[in-house]
Amino acid sequence: MKSKLAFLIFLIFIFSQISLAHAFSLFFTQNQSPLIQIYGLPSGGSASLLPPGKGDLRLTLDYASNYVVDTNNRETLILDGESARFTMGGKYGLPEGLEVGLEIPMIFWGGGFLDDFIISYHSTFGFPQGGRDQAPRHRLLIYYQKDGQELLKKQGASSGIGDIKLSGGWQIYEWKEKAALSLNTCLKLPTGNSADLHGSGSVDFSVWINGRRDFWSAYGKVSLLGAGGVMFLSSGNVLPEQQEHFVWFGSAGIGWQPWPRLSFKIQINGHSSFYKESDLRELNAVSAQIVLGGTIALSKQAFLDMGIVEDLVVKTSPDVVFHLSGRYIF
């Protein structure tokens, strides 16, 4: 993780010379596990909503590498492959502190190219391989069997539209650009093909609170960021007999802006289990991920988030996710 973070900081330093001041917000990413990213789990976003008449366009890439093989007396699970999730989104500010938004994801599944790099990285630093070095290279296989019955199997590469999200927000409180609190909602529609794991087949509705508090010192601005809420899920098509219909989620982070043109952020995302009636951690356990990175302001209106996501609770999220998110405010 240290070498990944050093490389990321180096890239941020190079690009920071052309940037200007900006505000903090949570990383626009969530758990990219093959069996989790199909649902409408929201990203925390910004506690400060858009003023009336202002717009916000965002393009996000989450590139994830998954490898886990787990089994017990009743179950066998294999999550092996790589995914790229491109999300095109927009938001617009309305009067009375309201905001509306739309997100359209494109999902790409394949065997990928990161296996050799990750195996070498683990070997160099003495990290456990977890069986990755013994598995076929660049394989795509999402597989789950329970009590002798095959419940899920995906092998072929695929691409297509994911589940579209409609969002709304209300600015509860904002104080002199030093603190903000917002109430947010999201409705996820089953527009993606659940057989290809481009969607879940369920309708999901989320509601959450997002907050930010800024502090200033001789060493720059420090911001405390947080979000938390609940999601309600209708019955979907992926492991429907084991799917939960109620999930808690939240994010907490801290940002440090030592210069007007550059900030660094550390964030933890977490959620309760999406599945039940399983003894496998990948399906039935609380999950947490850590995001390390920062934000570059490319102009007064354009910003770039760069982050690397690692699994804090092992096996409940991908080994590594590379996160890029460009945002333009107009």
C-alpha atoms as a PDB file:
ATOM      1  CA  MET A   1       0.000   0.000   0.000  1.00  0.00           C
ATOM      2  CA  LYS A   2       2.911   2.399   0.771  1.00  0.00           C
ATOM      3  CA  SER A   3       4.344   2.219  -2.746  1.00  0.00           C
ATOM      4  CA  LYS A   4       0.904   2.786  -4.295  1.00  0.00           C
ATOM      5  CA  LEU A   5       0.332   5.849  -2.113  1.00  0.00           C
ATOM      6  CA  ALA A   6       3.799   7.294  -2.891  1.00  0.00           C
ATOM      7  CA  PHE A   7       3.148   6.961  -6.634  1.00  0.00           C
ATOM      8  CA  LEU A   8      -0.262   8.608  -6.290  1.00  0.00           C
ATOM      9  CA  ILE A   9       1.164  11.556  -4.317  1.00  0.00           C
ATOM     10  CA  PHE A  10       3.857  11.995  -7.003  1.00  0.00           C
ATOM     11  CA  LEU A  11       1.206  12.260  -9.741  1.00  0.00           C
ATOM     12  CA  ILE A  12      -0.844  14.703  -7.719  1.00  0.00           C
ATOM     13  CA  PHE A  13       2.221  16.919  -7.113  1.00  0.00           C
ATOM     14  CA  ILE A  14       3.013  17.132 -10.831  1.00  0.00           C
ATOM     15  CA  PHE A  15      -0.490  18.241 -11.820  1.00  0.00           C
ATOM     16  CA  SER A  16      -1.018  20.537  -8.839  1.00  0.00           C
ATOM     17  CA  GLN A  17       0.998  23.375 -10.360  1.00  0.00           C
ATOM     18  CA  ILE A  18      -1.904  24.423 -12.628  1.00  0.00           C
ATOM     19  CA  SER A  19      -4.684  24.280 -10.060  1.00  0.00           C
ATOM     20  CA  LEU A  20      -6.646  26.717  -7.900  1.00  0.00           C
ATOM     21  CA  ALA A  21      -8.577  26.598  -4.627  1.00  0.00           C
ATOM     22  CA  HIS A  22     -11.475  24.179  -4.159  1.00  0.00           C
ATOM     23  CA  ALA A  23     -13.872  22.758  -1.580  1.00  0.00           C
ATOM     24  CA  PHE A  24     -13.763  19.327   0.015  1.00  0.00           C
ATOM     25  CA  SER A  25     -16.162  16.472  -0.646  1.00  0.00           C
ATOM     26  CA  LEU A  26     -16.118  12.724  -0.082  1.00  0.00           C
ATOM     27  CA  PHE A  27     -14.645  10.463  -2.757  1.00  0.00           C
ATOM     28  CA  PHE A  28     -17.316   9.462  -5.280  1.00  0.00           C
ATOM     29  CA  THR A  29     -16.767   5.709  -4.913  1.00  0.00           C
ATOM     30  CA  GLN A  30     -18.180   2.685  -3.119  1.00  0.00           C
ATOM     31  CA  ASN A  31     -17.611  -1.074  -2.808  1.00  0.00           C
ATOM     32  CA  GLN A  32     -16.801  -2.505  -6.269  1.00  0.00           C
ATOM     33  CA  SER A  33     -17.228  -6.170  -5.339  1.00  0.00           C
ATOM     34  CA  PRO A  34     -18.993  -8.049  -8.192  1.00  0.00           C
ATOM     35  CA  LEU A  35     -21.870  -8.911  -5.839  1.00  0.00           C
ATOM     36  CA  ILE A  36     -22.174  -5.415  -4.273  1.00  0.00           C
ATOM     37  CA  GLN A  37     -21.608  -2.821  -7.028  1.00  0.00           C
ATOM     38  CA  ILE A  38     -24.746  -4.084  -8.802  1.00  0.00           C
ATOM     39  CA  TYR A  39     -26.889  -2.402  -6.126  1.00  0.00           C
ATOM     40  CA  GLY A  40     -27.606   1.284  -5.576  1.00  0.00           C
ATOM     41  CA  LEU A  41     -25.100   1.898  -2.784  1.00  0.00           C
ATOM     42  CA  PRO A  42     -24.586   5.696  -2.887  1.00  0.00           C
ATOM     43  CA  SER A  43     -21.358   7.621  -2.626  1.00  0.00           C
ATOM     44  CA  GLY A  44     -21.371  10.304   0.039  1.00  0.00           C
ATOM     45  CA  GLY A  45     -20.721  13.243  -2.289  1.00  0.00           C
ATOM     46  CA  SER A  46     -20.675  16.863  -1.118  1.00  0.00           C
ATOM     47  CA  ALA A  47     -22.383  18.319   1.944  1.00  0.00           C
ATOM     48  CA  SER A  48     -22.724  21.663   0.121  1.00  0.00           C
ATOM     49  CA  LEU A  49     -25.373  21.402  -2.584  1.00  0.00           C
ATOM     50  CA  LEU A  50     -25.415  23.477  -5.753  1.00  0.00           C
ATOM     51  CA  PRO A  51     -26.899  27.001  -5.709  1.00  0.00           C
ATOM     52  CA  PRO A  52     -29.958  27.641  -7.914  1.00  0.00           C
ATOM     53  CA  GLY A  53     -29.064  27.649 -11.598  1.00  0.00           C
ATOM     54  CA  LYS A  54     -25.663  25.984 -11.102  1.00  0.00           C
ATOM     55  CA  GLY A  55     -24.772  22.664 -12.755  1.00  0.00           C
ATOM     56  CA  ASP A  56     -22.246  19.934 -12.018  1.00  0.00           C
ATOM     57  CA  LEU A  57     -21.008  17.328 -14.515  1.00  0.00           C
ATOM     58  CA  ARG A  58     -18.928  14.332 -13.378  1.00  0.00           C
ATOM     59  CA  LEU A  59     -17.165  11.438 -15.116  1.00  0.00           C
ATOM     60  CA  THR A  60     -15.866   8.673 -12.844  1.00  0.00           C
ATOM     61  CA  LEU A  61     -13.804   5.540 -13.414  1.00  0.00           C
ATOM     62  CA  ASP A  62     -13.453   2.749 -10.846  1.00  0.00           C
ATOM     63  CA  TYR A  63     -11.143  -0.032 -12.061  1.00  0.00           C
ATOM     64  CA  ALA A  64     -11.248  -3.037  -9.724  1.00  0.00           C
ATOM     65  CA  SER A  65      -9.248  -6.257  -9.466  1.00  0.00           C
ATOM     66  CA  ASN A  66     -11.016  -9.113  -7.679  1.00  0.00           C
ATOM     67  CA  TYR A  67      -9.599 -12.415  -6.527  1.00  0.00           C
ATOM     68  CA  VAL A  68     -11.006 -14.629  -3.799  1.00  0.00           C
ATOM     69  CA  VAL A  69     -11.753 -18.333  -3.534  1.00  0.00           C
ATOM     70  CA  ASP A  70     -13.635 -19.420  -0.421  1.00  0.00           C
ATOM     71  CA  THR A  71     -15.404 -22.614   0.548  1.00  0.00           C
ATOM     72  CA  ASN A  72     -17.022 -24.447   3.456  1.00  0.00           C
ATOM     73  CA  ASN A  73     -19.067 -27.612   3.871  1.00  0.00           C
ATOM     74  CA  ARG A  74     -22.067 -26.103   2.052  1.00  0.00           C
ATOM     75  CA  GLU A  75     -20.762 -23.287  -0.149  1.00  0.00           C
ATOM     76  CA  THR A  76     -18.137 -22.490  -2.770  1.00  0.00           C
ATOM     77  CA  LEU A  77     -17.484 -18.950  -3.999  1.00  0.00           C
ATOM     78  CA  ILE A  78     -15.044 -17.687  -6.650  1.00  0.00           C
ATOM     79  CA  LEU A  79     -14.690 -14.001  -7.500  1.00  0.00           C
ATOM     80  CA  ASP A  80     -11.926 -13.671 -10.088  1.00  0.00           C
ATOM     81  CA  GLY A  81     -11.752 -10.941 -12.705  1.00  0.00           C
ATOM     82  CA  GLU A  82     -11.520  -7.231 -13.314  1.00  0.00           C
ATOM     83  CA  SER A  83     -14.194  -4.617 -13.843  1.00  0.00           C
ATOM     84  CA  ALA A  84     -14.254  -1.061 -15.137  1.00  0.00           C
ATOM     85  CA  ARG A  85     -17.170   1.103 -14.087  1.00  0.00           C
ATOM     86  CA  PHE A  86     -17.578   4.408 -15.933  1.00  0.00           C
ATOM     87  CA  THR A  87     -20.206   6.680 -14.415  1.00  0.00           C
ATOM     88  CA  MET A  88     -21.502   9.756 -16.207  1.00  0.00           C
ATOM     89  CA  GLY A  89     -23.443  12.013 -13.897  1.00  0.00           C
ATOM     90  CA  GLY A  90     -24.933  15.449 -13.605  1.00  0.00           C
ATOM     91  CA  LYS A  91     -26.579  17.570 -10.912  1.00  0.00           C
ATOM     92  CA  TYR A  92     -28.495  20.848 -11.004  1.00  0.00           C
ATOM     93  CA  GLY A  93     -29.302  23.339  -8.264  1.00  0.00           C
ATOM     94  CA  LEU A  94     -32.906  24.450  -7.701  1.00  0.00           C
ATOM     95  CA  PRO A  95     -34.448  27.182  -5.512  1.00  0.00           C
ATOM     96  CA  GLU A  96     -35.150  26.557  -1.819  1.00  0.00           C
ATOM     97  CA  GLY A  97     -31.873  24.676  -1.333  1.00  0.00           C
ATOM     98  CA  LEU A  98     -32.881  21.746  -3.534  1.00  0.00           C
ATOM     99  CA  GLU A  99     -30.775  19.716  -5.962  1.00  0.00           C
ATOM    100  CA  VAL A 100     -31.552  16.980  -8.521  1.00  0.00           C
ATOM    101  CA  GLY A 101     -29.195  14.563 -10.259  1.00  0.00           C
ATOM    102  CA  LEU A 102     -28.777  11.679 -12.691  1.00  0.00           C
ATOM    103  CA  GLU A 103     -26.112   8.934 -12.920  1.00  0.00           C
ATOM    104  CA  ILE A 104     -25.635   6.572 -15.879  1.00  0.00           C
ATOM    105  CA  PRO A 105     -23.005   3.822 -15.417  1.00  0.00           C
ATOM    106  CA  MET A 106     -21.339   1.699 -18.085  1.00  0.00           C
ATOM    107  CA  ILE A 107     -19.988  -1.642 -16.854  1.00  0.00           C
ATOM    108  CA  PHE A 108     -17.142  -3.662 -18.414  1.00  0.00           C
ATOM    109  CA  TRP A 109     -16.215  -7.174 -17.206  1.00  0.00           C
ATOM    110  CA  GLY A 110     -13.141  -9.119 -18.291  1.00  0.00           C
ATOM    111  CA  GLY A 111     -10.065 -11.062 -17.234  1.00  0.00           C
ATOM    112  CA  GLY A 112      -8.069  -7.839 -17.127  1.00  0.00           C
ATOM    113  CA  PHE A 113      -4.318  -7.314 -16.996  1.00  0.00           C
ATOM    114  CA  LEU A 114      -3.380  -6.697 -13.336  1.00  0.00           C
ATOM    115  CA  ASP A 115      -2.738 -10.266 -12.128  1.00  0.00           C
ATOM    116  CA  ASP A 116       1.008 -10.299 -12.853  1.00  0.00           C
ATOM    117  CA  PHE A 117       1.509  -6.841 -11.316  1.00  0.00           C
ATOM    118  CA  ILE A 118      -0.375  -7.708  -8.110  1.00  0.00           C
ATOM    119  CA  ILE A 119       1.408 -11.071  -7.737  1.00  0.00           C
ATOM    120  CA  SER A 120       4.795  -9.347  -8.141  1.00  0.00           C
ATOM    121  CA  TYR A 121       3.812  -6.597  -5.727  1.00  0.00           C
ATOM    122  CA  HIS A 122       2.722  -9.097  -3.055  1.00  0.00           C
ATOM    123  CA  SER A 123       5.901 -11.109  -3.570  1.00  0.00           C
ATOM    124  CA  THR A 124       8.178  -8.064  -3.324  1.00  0.00           C
ATOM    125  CA  PHE A 125       6.719  -6.885  -0.022  1.00  0.00           C
ATOM    126  CA  GLY A 126       6.084 -10.310   1.461  1.00  0.00           C
ATOM    127  CA  PHE A 127       2.295 -10.020   1.422  1.00  0.00           C
ATOM    128  CA  PRO A 128       0.194 -13.218   1.231  1.00  0.00           C
ATOM    129  CA  GLN A 129      -0.968 -14.129  -2.269  1.00  0.00           C
ATOM    130  CA  GLY A 130      -4.229 -15.712  -1.080  1.00  0.00           C
ATOM    131  CA  GLY A 131      -3.961 -18.283  -3.873  1.00  0.00           C
ATOM    132  CA  ARG A 132      -3.863 -15.700  -6.689  1.00  0.00           C
ATOM    133  CA  ASP A 133      -0.440 -16.949  -7.881  1.00  0.00           C
ATOM    134  CA  GLN A 134      -1.867 -20.475  -8.319  1.00  0.00           C
ATOM    135  CA  ALA A 135      -4.986 -19.432 -10.263  1.00  0.00           C
ATOM    136  CA  PRO A 136      -5.210 -19.040 -14.059  1.00  0.00           C
ATOM    137  CA  ARG A 137      -3.951 -15.628 -15.148  1.00  0.00           C
ATOM    138  CA  HIS A 138      -6.426 -13.034 -16.447  1.00  0.00           C
ATOM    139  CA  ARG A 139      -9.447 -15.260 -15.812  1.00  0.00           C
ATOM    140  CA  LEU A 140     -13.027 -14.039 -15.477  1.00  0.00           C
ATOM    141  CA  LEU A 141     -15.091 -16.321 -13.264  1.00  0.00           C
ATOM    142  CA  ILE A 142     -17.833 -15.263 -10.864  1.00  0.00           C
ATOM    143  CA  TYR A 143     -19.235 -18.446  -9.339  1.00  0.00           C
ATOM    144  CA  TYR A 144     -21.340 -19.443  -6.329  1.00  0.00           C
ATOM    145  CA  GLN A 145     -22.605 -22.893  -5.357  1.00  0.00           C
ATOM    146  CA  LYS A 146     -24.642 -23.792  -2.285  1.00  0.00           C
ATOM    147  CA  ASP A 147     -25.816 -27.214  -1.138  1.00  0.00           C
ATOM    148  CA  GLY A 148     -24.740 -28.716  -4.450  1.00  0.00           C
ATOM    149  CA  GLN A 149     -26.764 -26.216  -6.503  1.00  0.00           C
ATOM    150  CA  GLU A 150     -25.110 -23.713  -8.845  1.00  0.00           C
ATOM    151  CA  LEU A 151     -26.734 -20.362  -8.076  1.00  0.00           C
ATOM    152  CA  LEU A 152     -24.459 -17.982  -9.983  1.00  0.00           C
ATOM    153  CA  LYS A 153     -21.958 -18.315 -12.809  1.00  0.00           C
ATOM    154  CA  LYS A 154     -20.464 -15.658 -15.078  1.00  0.00           C
ATOM    155  CA  GLN A 155     -17.516 -16.353 -17.373  1.00  0.00           C
ATOM    156  CA  GLY A 156     -17.748 -14.381 -20.587  1.00  0.00           C
ATOM    157  CA  ALA A 157     -16.510 -10.801 -20.904  1.00  0.00           C
ATOM    158  CA  SER A 158     -19.322  -8.294 -21.239  1.00  0.00           C
ATOM    159  CA  SER A 159     -20.112  -4.602 -21.403  1.00  0.00           C
ATOM    160  CA  GLY A 160     -23.278  -2.573 -21.163  1.00  0.00           C
ATOM    161  CA  ILE A 161     -25.286   0.029 -19.334  1.00  0.00           C
ATOM    162  CA  GLY A 162     -25.693  -0.419 -15.584  1.00  0.00           C
ATOM    163  CA  ASP A 163     -28.510   0.579 -13.258  1.00  0.00           C
ATOM    164  CA  ILE A 164     -29.406   4.267 -13.621  1.00  0.00           C
ATOM    165  CA  LYS A 165     -29.745   6.414 -10.493  1.00  0.00           C
ATOM    166  CA  LEU A 166     -31.941   9.453  -9.883  1.00  0.00           C
ATOM    167  CA  SER A 167     -30.942  11.622  -6.917  1.00  0.00           C
ATOM    168  CA  GLY A 168     -32.221  14.564  -4.935  1.00  0.00           C
ATOM    169  CA  GLY A 169     -30.940  16.707  -2.090  1.00  0.00           C
ATOM    170  CA  TRP A 170     -31.945  19.422   0.354  1.00  0.00           C
ATOM    171  CA  GLN A 171     -29.516  21.842   2.018  1.00  0.00           C
ATOM    172  CA  ILE A 172     -30.421  21.604   5.708  1.00  0.00           C
ATOM    173  CA  TYR A 173     -27.711  23.946   6.960  1.00  0.00           C
ATOM    174  CA  GLU A 174     -24.716  25.930   5.679  1.00  0.00           C
ATOM    175  CA  TRP A 175     -22.574  28.369   7.649  1.00  0.00           C
ATOM    176  CA  LYS A 176     -20.183  30.791   5.901  1.00  0.00           C
ATOM    177  CA  GLU A 177     -18.613  28.008   3.815  1.00  0.00           C
ATOM    178  CA  LYS A 178     -17.205  26.548   7.075  1.00  0.00           C
ATOM    179  CA  ALA A 179     -19.835  23.891   7.736  1.00  0.00           C
ATOM    180  CA  ALA A 180     -22.629  22.235   5.818  1.00  0.00           C
ATOM    181  CA  LEU A 181     -25.306  19.608   6.306  1.00  0.00           C
ATOM    182  CA  SER A 182     -27.533  18.097   3.608  1.00  0.00           C
ATOM    183  CA  LEU A 183     -30.265  15.476   3.309  1.00  0.00           C
ATOM    184  CA  ASN A 184     -29.900  13.269   0.227  1.00  0.00           C
ATOM    185  CA  THR A 185     -31.965  10.610  -1.545  1.00  0.00           C
ATOM    186  CA  CYS A 186     -31.291   8.218  -4.419  1.00  0.00           C
ATOM    187  CA  LEU A 187     -33.531   5.945  -6.487  1.00  0.00           C
ATOM    188  CA  LYS A 188     -31.788   3.170  -8.460  1.00  0.00           C
ATOM    189  CA  LEU A 189     -33.684   1.665 -11.398  1.00  0.00           C
ATOM    190  CA  PRO A 190     -33.120  -1.871 -12.796  1.00  0.00           C
ATOM    191  CA  THR A 191     -31.869  -0.851 -16.257  1.00  0.00           C
ATOM    192  CA  GLY A 192     -28.757  -3.092 -16.294  1.00  0.00           C
ATOM    193  CA  ASN A 193     -28.619  -6.754 -17.326  1.00  0.00           C
ATOM    194  CA  SER A 194     -28.462  -8.703 -14.069  1.00  0.00           C
ATOM    195  CA  ALA A 195     -27.377 -11.920 -15.854  1.00  0.00           C
ATOM    196  CA  ASP A 196     -24.137 -10.138 -16.821  1.00  0.00           C
ATOM    197  CA  LEU A 197     -23.823  -8.463 -13.392  1.00  0.00           C
ATOM    198  CA  HIS A 198     -24.419  -5.028 -14.901  1.00  0.00           C
ATOM    199  CA  GLY A 199     -27.265  -4.542 -12.416  1.00  0.00           C
ATOM    200  CA  SER A 200     -29.186  -6.304  -9.675  1.00  0.00           C
ATOM    201  CA  GLY A 201     -32.721  -6.392 -11.073  1.00  0.00           C
ATOM    202  CA  SER A 202     -33.927  -4.613  -7.921  1.00  0.00           C
ATOM    203  CA  VAL A 203     -35.267  -1.118  -7.287  1.00  0.00           C
ATOM    204  CA  ASP A 204     -33.238   0.496  -4.487  1.00  0.00           C
ATOM    205  CA  PHE A 205     -34.044   3.639  -2.512  1.00  0.00           C
ATOM    206  CA  SER A 206     -31.500   5.342  -0.253  1.00  0.00           C
ATOM    207  CA  VAL A 207     -31.643   8.260   2.166  1.00  0.00           C
ATOM    208  CA  TRP A 208     -28.654   9.713   4.007  1.00  0.00           C
ATOM    209  CA  ILE A 209     -27.210  12.744   5.774  1.00  0.00           C
ATOM    210  CA  ASN A 210     -23.972  14.341   4.569  1.00  0.00           C
ATOM    211  CA  GLY A 211     -21.915  16.737   6.702  1.00  0.00           C
ATOM    212  CA  ARG A 212     -18.680  18.772   6.552  1.00  0.00           C
ATOM    213  CA  ARG A 213     -16.805  20.968   9.046  1.00  0.00           C
ATOM    214  CA  ASP A 214     -13.748  23.034   8.092  1.00  0.00           C
ATOM    215  CA  PHE A 215     -10.926  24.258  10.319  1.00  0.00           C
ATOM    216  CA  TRP A 216      -7.985  26.551   9.517  1.00  0.00           C
ATOM    217  CA  SER A 217      -4.445  26.492  10.912  1.00  0.00           C
ATOM    218  CA  ALA A 218      -0.942  27.625   9.994  1.00  0.00           C
ATOM    219  CA  TYR A 219      -0.534  24.341   8.120  1.00  0.00           C
ATOM    220  CA  GLY A 220      -3.586  24.732   5.897  1.00  0.00           C
ATOM    221  CA  LYS A 221      -7.259  23.836   5.959  1.00  0.00           C
ATOM    222  CA  VAL A 222      -8.504  20.624   7.554  1.00  0.00           C
ATOM    223  CA  SER A 223     -11.987  19.275   6.852  1.00  0.00           C
ATOM    224  CA  LEU A 224     -13.920  16.573   8.628  1.00  0.00           C
ATOM    225  CA  LEU A 225     -16.287  14.731   6.287  1.00  0.00           C
ATOM    226  CA  GLY A 226     -19.032  12.244   7.021  1.00  0.00           C
ATOM    227  CA  ALA A 227     -22.159  10.621   5.650  1.00  0.00           C
ATOM    228  CA  GLY A 228     -24.517   7.935   6.851  1.00  0.00           C
ATOM    229  CA  GLY A 229     -27.859   6.464   5.882  1.00  0.00           C
ATOM    230  CA  VAL A 230     -29.957   3.484   4.950  1.00  0.00           C
ATOM    231  CA  MET A 231     -30.969   1.742   1.720  1.00  0.00           C
ATOM    232  CA  PHE A 232     -34.145  -0.220   1.018  1.00  0.00           C
ATOM    233  CA  LEU A 233     -33.998  -2.885  -1.713  1.00  0.00           C
ATOM    234  CA  SER A 234     -36.766  -4.661  -3.580  1.00  0.00           C
ATOM    235  CA  SER A 235     -36.269  -8.297  -4.624  1.00  0.00           C
ATOM    236  CA  GLY A 236     -33.598  -8.631  -7.302  1.00  0.00           C
ATOM    237  CA  ASN A 237     -32.347 -11.350  -9.639  1.00  0.00           C
ATOM    238  CA  VAL A 238     -28.932 -12.071  -8.098  1.00  0.00           C
ATOM    239  CA  LEU A 239     -29.143 -14.679  -5.307  1.00  0.00           C
ATOM    240  CA  PRO A 240     -32.740 -13.536  -4.616  1.00  0.00           C
ATOM    241  CA  GLU A 241     -33.338 -16.041  -1.794  1.00  0.00           C
ATOM    242  CA  GLN A 242     -30.377 -14.670   0.157  1.00  0.00           C
ATOM    243  CA  GLN A 243     -30.634 -10.958  -0.630  1.00  0.00           C
ATOM    244  CA  GLU A 244     -31.173  -8.530   2.231  1.00  0.00           C
ATOM    245  CA  HIS A 245     -33.799  -5.800   1.840  1.00  0.00           C
ATOM    246  CA  PHE A 246     -32.331  -3.297   4.310  1.00  0.00           C
ATOM    247  CA  VAL A 247     -28.695  -2.085   4.354  1.00  0.00           C
ATOM    248  CA  TRP A 248     -26.920   0.514   6.484  1.00  0.00           C
ATOM    249  CA  PHE A 249     -24.024   2.470   4.953  1.00  0.00           C
ATOM    250  CA  GLY A 250     -21.694   5.316   5.840  1.00  0.00           C
ATOM    251  CA  SER A 251     -18.452   7.149   5.087  1.00  0.00           C
ATOM    252  CA  ALA A 252     -16.021   9.130   7.238  1.00  0.00           C
ATOM    253  CA  GLY A 253     -12.999  11.063   6.069  1.00  0.00           C
ATOM    254  CA  ILE A 254     -10.510  13.808   6.747  1.00  0.00           C
ATOM    255  CA  GLY A 255      -9.048  16.201   4.216  1.00  0.00           C
ATOM    256  CA  TRP A 256      -5.947  18.373   4.449  1.00  0.00           C
ATOM    257  CA  GLN A 257      -5.349  21.278   2.073  1.00  0.00           C
ATOM    258  CA  PRO A 258      -1.759  22.494   2.602  1.00  0.00           C
ATOM    259  CA  TRP A 259      -1.872  24.674  -0.525  1.00  0.00           C
ATOM    260  CA  PRO A 260      -4.802  26.396  -2.253  1.00  0.00           C
ATOM    261  CA  ARG A 261      -4.321  24.216  -5.330  1.00  0.00           C
ATOM    262  CA  LEU A 262      -4.049  20.761  -3.754  1.00  0.00           C
ATOM    263  CA  SER A 263      -5.594  18.589  -1.030  1.00  0.00           C
ATOM    264  CA  PHE A 264      -5.105  15.087   0.356  1.00  0.00           C
ATOM    265  CA  LYS A 265      -7.865  12.875   1.695  1.00  0.00           C
ATOM    266  CA  ILE A 266      -8.279   9.658   3.666  1.00  0.00           C
ATOM    267  CA  GLN A 267     -11.715   8.093   3.750  1.00  0.00           C
ATOM    268  CA  ILE A 268     -13.342   4.944   5.101  1.00  0.00           C
ATOM    269  CA  ASN A 269     -16.499   3.517   3.504  1.00  0.00           C
ATOM    270  CA  GLY A 270     -18.580   0.837   5.164  1.00  0.00           C
ATOM    271  CA  HIS A 271     -21.888  -0.974   4.920  1.00  0.00           C
ATOM    272  CA  SER A 272     -23.806  -3.861   6.434  1.00  0.00           C
ATOM    273  CA  SER A 273     -24.287  -7.178   4.643  1.00  0.00           C
ATOM    274  CA  PHE A 274     -26.233  -7.394   1.375  1.00  0.00           C
ATOM    275  CA  TYR A 275     -26.835 -11.138   1.760  1.00  0.00           C
ATOM    276  CA  LYS A 276     -27.903 -13.602   4.459  1.00  0.00           C
ATOM    277  CA  GLU A 277     -27.979 -17.373   5.064  1.00  0.00           C
ATOM    278  CA  SER A 278     -24.293 -17.766   4.262  1.00  0.00           C
ATOM    279  CA  ASP A 279     -21.203 -18.500   6.352  1.00  0.00           C
ATOM    280  CA  LEU A 280     -18.900 -16.844   3.809  1.00  0.00           C
ATOM    281  CA  ARG A 281     -17.525 -13.424   4.700  1.00  0.00           C
ATOM    282  CA  GLU A 282     -17.770 -12.247   1.085  1.00  0.00           C
ATOM    283  CA  LEU A 283     -21.563 -12.553   1.243  1.00  0.00           C
ATOM    284  CA  ASN A 284     -22.601 -12.135   4.859  1.00  0.00           C
ATOM    285  CA  ALA A 285     -20.353  -9.694   6.724  1.00  0.00           C
ATOM    286  CA  VAL A 286     -19.935  -6.004   7.416  1.00  0.00           C
ATOM    287  CA  SER A 287     -17.562  -4.473   4.852  1.00  0.00           C
ATOM    288  CA  ALA A 288     -15.131  -1.566   5.100  1.00  0.00           C
ATOM    289  CA  GLN A 289     -12.737  -0.015   2.578  1.00  0.00           C
ATOM    290  CA  ILE A 290     -10.105   2.704   2.912  1.00  0.00           C
ATOM    291  CA  VAL A 291      -9.570   5.293   0.166  1.00  0.00           C
ATOM    292  CA  LEU A 292      -6.238   7.155  -0.030  1.00  0.00           C
ATOM    293  CA  GLY A 293      -5.666  10.033  -2.422  1.00  0.00           C
ATOM    294  CA  GLY A 294      -6.538  13.633  -3.029  1.00  0.00           C
ATOM    295  CA  THR A 295      -8.064  16.317  -5.204  1.00  0.00           C
ATOM    296  CA  ILE A 296      -6.468  18.619  -7.755  1.00  0.00           C
ATOM    297  CA  ALA A 297      -8.245  21.813  -8.802  1.00  0.00           C
ATOM    298  CA  LEU A 298      -7.492  22.190 -12.513  1.00  0.00           C
ATOM    299  CA  SER A 299      -9.294  25.539 -12.673  1.00  0.00           C
ATOM    300  CA  LYS A 300     -11.925  27.450 -10.715  1.00  0.00           C
ATOM    301  CA  GLN A 301     -14.527  25.082 -12.147  1.00  0.00           C
ATOM    302  CA  ALA A 302     -12.741  21.802 -12.860  1.00  0.00           C
ATOM    303  CA  PHE A 303     -11.508  19.257 -10.275  1.00  0.00           C
ATOM    304  CA  LEU A 304      -9.896  15.833 -10.403  1.00  0.00           C
ATOM    305  CA  ASP A 305     -10.085  13.216  -7.651  1.00  0.00           C
ATOM    306  CA  MET A 306      -7.475  10.440  -7.634  1.00  0.00           C
ATOM    307  CA  GLY A 307      -7.581   7.564  -5.164  1.00  0.00           C
ATOM    308  CA  ILE A 308      -6.613   3.993  -4.408  1.00  0.00           C
ATOM    309  CA  VAL A 309      -9.075   1.792  -2.531  1.00  0.00           C
ATOM    310  CA  GLU A 310      -7.986  -1.143  -0.331  1.00  0.00           C
ATOM    311  CA  ASP A 311     -10.093  -3.677   1.576  1.00  0.00           C
ATOM    312  CA  LEU A 312     -10.023  -3.066   5.336  1.00  0.00           C
ATOM    313  CA  VAL A 313     -12.229  -6.090   6.009  1.00  0.00           C
ATOM    314  CA  VAL A 314     -10.487  -8.741   3.918  1.00  0.00           C
ATOM    315  CA  LYS A 315     -12.533 -10.583   1.257  1.00  0.00           C
ATOM    316  CA  THR A 316     -15.537  -8.229   1.471  1.00  0.00           C
ATOM    317  CA  SER A 317     -14.317  -5.892  -1.307  1.00  0.00           C
ATOM    318  CA  PRO A 318     -11.744  -6.020  -4.140  1.00  0.00           C
ATOM    319  CA  ASP A 319      -7.999  -6.324  -3.497  1.00  0.00           C
ATOM    320  CA  VAL A 320      -7.469  -2.932  -5.110  1.00  0.00           C
ATOM    321  CA  VAL A 321      -9.537  -0.307  -6.925  1.00  0.00           C
ATOM    322  CA  PHE A 322      -8.082   2.607  -8.884  1.00  0.00           C
ATOM    323  CA  HIS A 323     -10.388   5.619  -8.711  1.00  0.00           C
ATOM    324  CA  LEU A 324     -10.472   8.689 -10.978  1.00  0.00           C
ATOM    325  CA  SER A 325     -13.255  11.265 -10.960  1.00  0.00           C
ATOM    326  CA  GLY A 326     -13.386  14.487 -12.966  1.00  0.00           C
ATOM    327  CA  ARG A 327     -15.892  17.192 -12.003  1.00  0.00           C
ATOM    328  CA  TYR A 328     -16.870  20.385 -13.826  1.00  0.00           C
ATOM    329  CA  ILE A 329     -19.093  23.055 -12.234  1.00  0.00           C
ATOM    330  CA  PHE A 330     -20.856  25.545 -14.507  1.00  0.00           C
END
